[in-house]
Amino acid sequence: MPLKRGRSAKVLRSNYVTERRHGKSSKQAWAIAYRKAGRSR
């Protein structure tokens, strides 16, 4: 499933959960979610 677009906290969390389900580590999943949203941590 492709990651969602957007900058809201809801979209970030959704993308994080998606990456975790695909076996990514917690730090890596957050990094991917933030990158997709165009935000920095």
C-alpha atoms as a PDB file:
ATOM      1  CA  MET A   1       0.000   0.000   0.000  1.00  0.00           C
ATOM      2  CA  PRO A   2       1.470   3.393  -0.935  1.00  0.00           C
ATOM      3  CA  LEU A   3       2.088   5.966   1.753  1.00  0.00           C
ATOM      4  CA  LYS A   4      -0.362   8.818   2.184  1.00  0.00           C
ATOM      5  CA  ARG A   5       0.436  12.411   1.312  1.00  0.00           C
ATOM      6  CA  GLY A   6      -0.016  15.272   3.735  1.00  0.00           C
ATOM      7  CA  ARG A   7       1.525  17.015   6.706  1.00  0.00           C
ATOM      8  CA  SER A   8      -0.995  16.329   9.450  1.00  0.00           C
ATOM      9  CA  ALA A   9      -0.221  14.259  12.529  1.00  0.00           C
ATOM     10  CA  LYS A  10      -2.857  11.749  11.420  1.00  0.00           C
ATOM     11  CA  VAL A  11      -1.088  11.143   8.099  1.00  0.00           C
ATOM     12  CA  LEU A  12       2.320  10.884   9.801  1.00  0.00           C
ATOM     13  CA  ARG A  13       0.991   8.272  12.219  1.00  0.00           C
ATOM     14  CA  SER A  14      -0.698   6.334   9.424  1.00  0.00           C
ATOM     15  CA  ASN A  15       2.500   6.204   7.364  1.00  0.00           C
ATOM     16  CA  TYR A  16       4.488   5.191  10.465  1.00  0.00           C
ATOM     17  CA  VAL A  17       2.116   2.294  11.173  1.00  0.00           C
ATOM     18  CA  THR A  18       2.262   1.197   7.533  1.00  0.00           C
ATOM     19  CA  GLU A  19       6.066   1.048   7.593  1.00  0.00           C
ATOM     20  CA  ARG A  20       6.119  -0.781  10.940  1.00  0.00           C
ATOM     21  CA  ARG A  21       3.789  -3.426   9.496  1.00  0.00           C
ATOM     22  CA  HIS A  22       6.286  -3.902   6.684  1.00  0.00           C
ATOM     23  CA  GLY A  23       9.024  -4.734   9.188  1.00  0.00           C
ATOM     24  CA  LYS A  24      10.895  -1.430   9.464  1.00  0.00           C
ATOM     25  CA  SER A  25      12.460  -0.387  12.765  1.00  0.00           C
ATOM     26  CA  SER A  26      10.736   2.345  14.746  1.00  0.00           C
ATOM     27  CA  LYS A  27      13.356   5.008  13.950  1.00  0.00           C
ATOM     28  CA  GLN A  28      13.411   4.135  10.276  1.00  0.00           C
ATOM     29  CA  ALA A  29       9.605   4.133  10.047  1.00  0.00           C
ATOM     30  CA  TRP A  30       9.423   7.630  11.586  1.00  0.00           C
ATOM     31  CA  ALA A  31      12.160   8.878   9.256  1.00  0.00           C
ATOM     32  CA  ILE A  32      10.254   7.627   6.206  1.00  0.00           C
ATOM     33  CA  ALA A  33       6.971   9.124   7.462  1.00  0.00           C
ATOM     34  CA  TYR A  34       8.546  12.529   8.089  1.00  0.00           C
ATOM     35  CA  ARG A  35      10.371  12.453   4.752  1.00  0.00           C
ATOM     36  CA  LYS A  36       7.156  11.696   2.883  1.00  0.00           C
ATOM     37  CA  ALA A  37       5.434  14.600   4.664  1.00  0.00           C
ATOM     38  CA  GLY A  38       8.261  17.002   3.785  1.00  0.00           C
ATOM     39  CA  ARG A  39       8.862  17.746   7.456  1.00  0.00           C
ATOM     40  CA  SER A  40      11.841  17.452   9.738  1.00  0.00           C
ATOM     41  CA  ARG A  41      11.743  16.012  13.169  1.00  0.00           C
END
